[in-house]
């Protein structure tokens, strides 16, 4: 079996030590078409705060693929890598949502509201296939059900090639599935060192500054010193464990500060995506 190139463009950028530039996107065909020729490394298809609609997710992913871009690149890798934010809070452990999203072909799952080691373990476990406990890299033990046919078609590879690649990075160095956990409360901040030390397979941490600011008593006051201090603690912990950390609200007004503070995953809000994209890419040397 010939070695496949890296398919997940978000992982590719992280492996190369680059900043990742992304945006949130609705699961809509028209939006997918617009993003399909953009300069983004990937998009987070936002399904936490909307209705979970597998058909809409499937359709938007299909329209995100651009035949001309694929031919020009000479690779099966999509120009813009789709991952999805699923609805459940970490404590709800709804593994089936990750399973359905991965079976459609997404390259990663964003898990909201992760606060404990147990919740983080479940998130990674839900994105992995089962294997014997004597197998290398057994933990976190996979629980994902076997049904990859649509995902194989979307990735453009065979079932056996998919099984080889559909594991979580960086636990599996050649894995193409990215697990991003959102830390959104003070319990999660307190437990983050234990999470990163005890749960392999976490590809990155995203800060949920909206919910965090609510708990801290400064709703959506993202520049408040108390909120910034809590976020800085998350960044410092991620740096200590060499785990990329992401900022979900990168705007023209804060992008330079965000980069200087050590964020490696930069996510622009949908309404201002293209207005700030070129400036953001320039600031990170892209």
Protein backbone atom coordinates (compact mmCIF):
# COMPACT_ATOMS: atom_id res chain seq x y z
CA UNK A 1 0.00 0.00 0.00
CA UNK A 2 1.57 3.31 -1.04
CA UNK A 3 2.07 5.90 1.66
CA UNK A 4 -0.69 8.51 1.52
CA UNK A 5 0.13 12.20 1.84
CA UNK A 6 -1.14 14.21 4.78
CA UNK A 7 -4.85 14.83 4.17
CA UNK A 8 -5.76 17.02 7.13
CA UNK A 9 -4.53 20.53 6.32
CA UNK A 10 -4.97 21.73 9.91
CA UNK A 11 -2.69 19.00 11.20
CA UNK A 12 -0.24 19.67 8.36
CA UNK A 13 0.11 23.31 9.41
CA UNK A 14 0.59 22.38 13.07
CA UNK A 15 3.23 19.78 12.18
CA UNK A 16 5.10 22.43 10.22
CA UNK A 17 5.07 24.79 13.19
CA UNK A 18 2.71 27.22 11.50
CA UNK A 19 -0.26 29.07 12.87
CA UNK A 20 -3.59 27.60 11.79
CA UNK A 21 -6.10 30.12 10.45
CA UNK A 22 -9.74 29.01 10.51
CA UNK A 23 -13.28 30.28 10.70
CA UNK A 24 -16.63 29.10 11.94
CA UNK A 25 -19.13 28.28 9.19
CA UNK A 26 -22.79 27.38 9.14
CA UNK A 27 -23.75 23.98 7.65
CA UNK A 28 -25.13 25.61 4.53
CA UNK A 29 -24.31 24.95 0.88
CA UNK A 30 -23.94 28.62 -0.07
CA UNK A 31 -21.47 29.23 2.75
CA UNK A 32 -19.48 26.12 1.88
CA UNK A 33 -19.11 27.28 -1.73
CA UNK A 34 -17.73 30.63 -0.58
CA UNK A 35 -15.19 28.99 1.74
CA UNK A 36 -14.17 26.35 -0.83
CA UNK A 37 -11.70 28.67 -2.61
CA UNK A 38 -10.61 30.65 0.45
CA UNK A 39 -7.15 30.77 2.00
CA UNK A 40 -8.28 29.19 5.26
CA UNK A 41 -6.57 26.04 6.51
CA UNK A 42 -9.92 24.74 7.70
CA UNK A 43 -13.39 25.59 8.91
CA UNK A 44 -15.29 24.61 12.03
CA UNK A 45 -18.79 23.72 10.89
CA UNK A 46 -20.84 25.09 13.76
CA UNK A 47 -23.53 22.71 15.04
CA UNK A 48 -23.37 23.26 18.79
CA UNK A 49 -25.86 26.11 18.92
CA UNK A 50 -28.03 25.06 15.99
CA UNK A 51 -30.10 22.00 15.14
CA UNK A 52 -28.03 18.84 14.63
CA UNK A 53 -28.68 18.06 10.98
CA UNK A 54 -26.52 15.30 9.51
CA UNK A 55 -27.81 15.89 5.99
CA UNK A 56 -26.94 19.58 6.13
CA UNK A 57 -23.47 18.69 7.40
CA UNK A 58 -23.02 16.14 4.61
CA UNK A 59 -24.18 18.54 1.91
CA UNK A 60 -22.04 21.44 3.08
CA UNK A 61 -18.98 19.17 3.19
CA UNK A 62 -19.60 18.04 -0.38
CA UNK A 63 -19.91 21.62 -1.63
CA UNK A 64 -16.75 22.56 0.26
CA UNK A 65 -14.84 20.27 -2.12
CA UNK A 66 -13.69 22.16 -5.20
CA UNK A 67 -12.62 19.99 -8.13
CA UNK A 68 -10.37 22.62 -9.69
CA UNK A 69 -8.51 23.17 -6.42
CA UNK A 70 -8.02 19.44 -5.92
CA UNK A 71 -6.65 18.98 -9.45
CA UNK A 72 -4.29 21.95 -9.07
CA UNK A 73 -2.94 20.61 -5.77
CA UNK A 74 -2.29 17.12 -7.15
CA UNK A 75 -3.47 15.66 -3.85
CA UNK A 76 -6.60 14.09 -2.41
CA UNK A 77 -6.40 16.56 0.46
CA UNK A 78 -9.18 19.16 0.44
CA UNK A 79 -8.03 22.76 0.11
CA UNK A 80 -10.04 23.69 3.20
CA UNK A 81 -10.27 21.01 5.90
CA UNK A 82 -13.71 20.56 7.49
CA UNK A 83 -14.12 19.77 11.17
CA UNK A 84 -17.34 20.07 13.17
CA UNK A 85 -18.34 21.35 16.59
CA UNK A 86 -20.94 18.98 18.00
CA UNK A 87 -23.76 20.00 20.41
CA UNK A 88 -23.26 18.10 23.69
CA UNK A 89 -21.46 19.38 26.74
CA UNK A 90 -18.58 17.13 27.74
CA UNK A 91 -20.46 15.65 30.69
CA UNK A 92 -23.22 14.40 28.38
CA UNK A 93 -20.81 11.99 26.61
CA UNK A 94 -22.90 11.72 23.46
CA UNK A 95 -20.49 9.53 21.51
CA UNK A 96 -22.97 8.95 18.69
CA UNK A 97 -22.66 12.54 17.46
CA UNK A 98 -18.92 12.17 16.95
CA UNK A 99 -19.49 8.81 15.29
CA UNK A 100 -22.02 10.20 12.81
CA UNK A 101 -19.86 13.23 11.99
CA UNK A 102 -16.74 11.11 11.43
CA UNK A 103 -18.71 8.61 9.36
CA UNK A 104 -19.66 11.47 7.02
CA UNK A 105 -15.98 12.26 6.55
CA UNK A 106 -15.09 15.21 8.79
CA UNK A 107 -11.43 15.41 9.73
CA UNK A 108 -11.99 16.37 13.33
CA UNK A 109 -14.41 17.02 16.16
CA UNK A 110 -14.61 19.98 18.53
CA UNK A 111 -15.98 18.96 21.95
CA UNK A 112 -17.57 21.81 23.94
CA UNK A 113 -17.44 22.21 27.72
CA UNK A 114 -14.76 19.73 28.71
CA UNK A 115 -14.01 20.08 32.42
CA UNK A 116 -12.60 16.77 33.69
CA UNK A 117 -10.19 13.99 32.79
CA UNK A 118 -13.13 11.61 32.39
CA UNK A 119 -14.86 13.91 29.88
CA UNK A 120 -11.64 14.41 27.92
CA UNK A 121 -11.01 10.66 27.83
CA UNK A 122 -14.51 10.07 26.48
CA UNK A 123 -14.02 12.68 23.75
CA UNK A 124 -10.86 11.05 22.42
CA UNK A 125 -12.23 7.54 22.90
CA UNK A 126 -15.34 8.36 20.84
CA UNK A 127 -13.13 9.33 17.89
CA UNK A 128 -11.17 6.05 17.80
CA UNK A 129 -11.96 2.54 16.60
CA UNK A 130 -11.69 -0.34 19.10
CA UNK A 131 -8.54 -2.46 19.22
CA UNK A 132 -7.14 -5.21 21.41
CA UNK A 133 -5.74 -3.94 24.69
CA UNK A 134 -2.39 -5.45 23.69
CA UNK A 135 -2.19 -3.17 20.64
CA UNK A 136 0.17 -0.18 20.60
CA UNK A 137 -1.37 3.13 21.63
CA UNK A 138 -4.40 1.36 23.11
CA UNK A 139 -5.47 4.18 25.40
CA UNK A 140 -7.84 5.95 25.24
CA UNK A 141 -9.74 2.81 24.33
CA UNK A 142 -11.73 3.35 21.13
CA UNK A 143 -15.50 2.96 21.03
CA UNK A 144 -16.36 4.29 17.58
CA UNK A 145 -18.60 1.93 15.61
CA UNK A 146 -17.52 0.57 12.24
CA UNK A 147 -19.28 2.25 9.32
CA UNK A 148 -16.75 4.28 7.31
CA UNK A 149 -18.10 3.90 3.76
CA UNK A 150 -19.20 7.51 3.26
CA UNK A 151 -16.03 8.78 4.93
CA UNK A 152 -13.87 6.65 2.62
CA UNK A 153 -15.62 8.14 -0.39
CA UNK A 154 -15.17 11.67 0.94
CA UNK A 155 -11.46 11.12 1.68
CA UNK A 156 -10.99 9.32 -1.66
CA UNK A 157 -9.33 6.25 -0.19
CA UNK A 158 -10.12 2.57 0.41
CA UNK A 159 -11.58 1.13 3.58
CA UNK A 160 -8.24 -0.34 4.64
CA UNK A 161 -6.45 2.93 3.95
CA UNK A 162 -9.08 4.73 5.99
CA UNK A 163 -8.67 2.39 8.96
CA UNK A 164 -4.96 3.12 8.91
CA UNK A 165 -5.43 6.89 8.81
CA UNK A 166 -8.58 7.39 10.89
CA UNK A 167 -6.89 7.67 14.26
CA UNK A 168 -6.30 10.66 16.46
CA UNK A 169 -3.28 12.90 16.01
CA UNK A 170 -0.72 13.33 17.54
CA UNK A 171 -1.14 10.05 19.45
CA UNK A 172 -0.99 8.33 16.06
CA UNK A 173 1.65 10.33 14.13
CA UNK A 174 0.01 9.53 10.77
CA UNK A 175 -3.53 9.96 12.12
CA UNK A 176 -5.84 12.36 10.30
CA UNK A 177 -8.50 12.89 12.99
CA UNK A 178 -8.14 16.05 15.07
CA UNK A 179 -9.74 16.15 18.52
CA UNK A 180 -10.10 19.68 19.88
CA UNK A 181 -11.39 20.17 23.42
CA UNK A 182 -13.00 23.39 24.60
CA UNK A 183 -12.11 24.67 28.07
CA UNK A 184 -14.93 26.99 29.07
CA UNK A 185 -15.07 27.14 32.87
CA UNK A 186 -12.90 27.44 35.96
CA UNK A 187 -13.21 23.72 36.75
CA UNK A 188 -11.76 22.95 33.32
CA UNK A 189 -8.91 25.40 33.90
CA UNK A 190 -8.12 23.76 37.24
CA UNK A 191 -8.19 20.27 35.72
CA UNK A 192 -6.39 21.12 32.49
CA UNK A 193 -2.92 20.00 33.66
CA UNK A 194 -4.34 16.59 34.63
CA UNK A 195 -6.26 16.37 31.36
CA UNK A 196 -3.19 17.05 29.22
CA UNK A 197 -0.99 14.78 31.30
CA UNK A 198 -3.36 11.81 31.43
CA UNK A 199 -5.31 11.82 28.15
CA UNK A 200 -3.21 11.21 25.02
CA UNK A 201 -4.64 12.07 21.62
CA UNK A 202 -5.70 15.67 22.29
CA UNK A 203 -4.82 17.67 19.18
CA UNK A 204 -5.47 21.09 20.68
CA UNK A 205 -7.39 23.16 23.20
CA UNK A 206 -9.86 25.88 22.25
CA UNK A 207 -10.89 28.48 24.81
CA UNK A 208 -14.60 29.11 25.16
CA UNK A 209 -14.25 32.69 26.29
CA UNK A 210 -17.96 33.39 26.01
CA UNK A 211 -19.00 30.88 28.65
CA UNK A 212 -15.86 31.52 30.68
CA UNK A 213 -16.59 35.24 30.82
CA UNK A 214 -20.17 34.48 31.90
CA UNK A 215 -18.96 32.40 34.84
CA UNK A 216 -16.38 35.00 35.84
CA UNK A 217 -19.09 37.68 35.99
CA UNK A 218 -18.04 39.68 32.93
CA UNK A 219 -20.28 38.38 30.11
CA UNK A 220 -18.64 38.85 26.71
CA UNK A 221 -16.19 41.38 28.12
CA UNK A 222 -13.32 39.60 26.42
CA UNK A 223 -10.76 42.32 27.17
CA UNK A 224 -11.52 42.45 30.90
CA UNK A 225 -8.38 41.76 32.98
CA UNK A 226 -10.06 38.94 34.91
CA UNK A 227 -11.08 37.17 31.69
CA UNK A 228 -7.67 37.70 30.09
CA UNK A 229 -5.94 36.35 33.19
CA UNK A 230 -8.00 33.14 33.10
CA UNK A 231 -7.30 32.70 29.40
CA UNK A 232 -3.58 33.31 29.97
CA UNK A 233 -3.57 30.49 32.50
CA UNK A 234 -4.96 28.12 29.86
CA UNK A 235 -2.34 29.23 27.34
CA UNK A 236 0.46 28.76 29.89
CA UNK A 237 -0.71 25.23 30.71
CA UNK A 238 -0.94 24.29 27.03
CA UNK A 239 2.56 25.64 26.41
CA UNK A 240 3.89 23.54 29.29
CA UNK A 241 2.52 20.39 27.66
CA UNK A 242 3.31 21.51 24.09
CA UNK A 243 -0.35 21.41 23.06
CA UNK A 244 -1.63 24.00 20.54
CA UNK A 245 -4.18 26.40 21.95
CA UNK A 246 -6.84 28.23 19.96
CA UNK A 247 -8.60 31.58 20.27
CA UNK A 248 -12.22 31.60 18.96
CA UNK A 249 -12.66 35.33 18.38
CA UNK A 250 -9.73 36.66 16.37
CA UNK A 251 -10.60 40.11 15.06
CA UNK A 252 -8.57 42.84 13.33
CA UNK A 253 -8.56 44.69 16.67
CA UNK A 254 -6.97 41.87 18.70
CA UNK A 255 -5.09 39.67 16.24
CA UNK A 256 -1.63 41.03 17.04
CA UNK A 257 -2.16 40.58 20.77
CA UNK A 258 -3.55 37.08 20.30
CA UNK A 259 -0.52 36.01 18.25
CA UNK A 260 1.91 37.56 20.73
CA UNK A 261 0.26 35.68 23.61
CA UNK A 262 1.05 32.33 22.02
CA UNK A 263 -2.17 31.18 20.39
CA UNK A 264 -1.47 28.87 17.45
CA UNK A 265 -5.03 28.27 16.24
CA UNK A 266 -6.69 31.50 15.13
CA UNK A 267 -10.43 31.38 14.49
CA UNK A 268 -12.17 34.36 12.97
CA UNK A 269 -15.89 35.03 13.49
CA UNK A 270 -18.01 34.26 10.40
CA UNK A 271 -19.25 37.80 9.75
CA UNK A 272 -15.73 39.22 9.64
CA UNK A 273 -13.93 36.24 8.17
CA UNK A 274 -12.71 37.53 4.84
CA UNK A 275 -12.28 41.10 6.02
CA UNK A 276 -9.54 40.05 8.45
CA UNK A 277 -8.11 36.98 6.70
CA UNK A 278 -5.39 38.59 4.58
CA UNK A 279 -4.12 40.71 7.46
CA UNK A 280 -4.04 37.67 9.76
CA UNK A 281 -2.13 35.60 7.21
CA UNK A 282 0.37 38.41 6.74
CA UNK A 283 0.96 38.69 10.49
CA UNK A 284 1.75 34.98 10.78
CA UNK A 285 4.00 35.00 7.73
CA UNK A 286 1.69 33.13 5.38
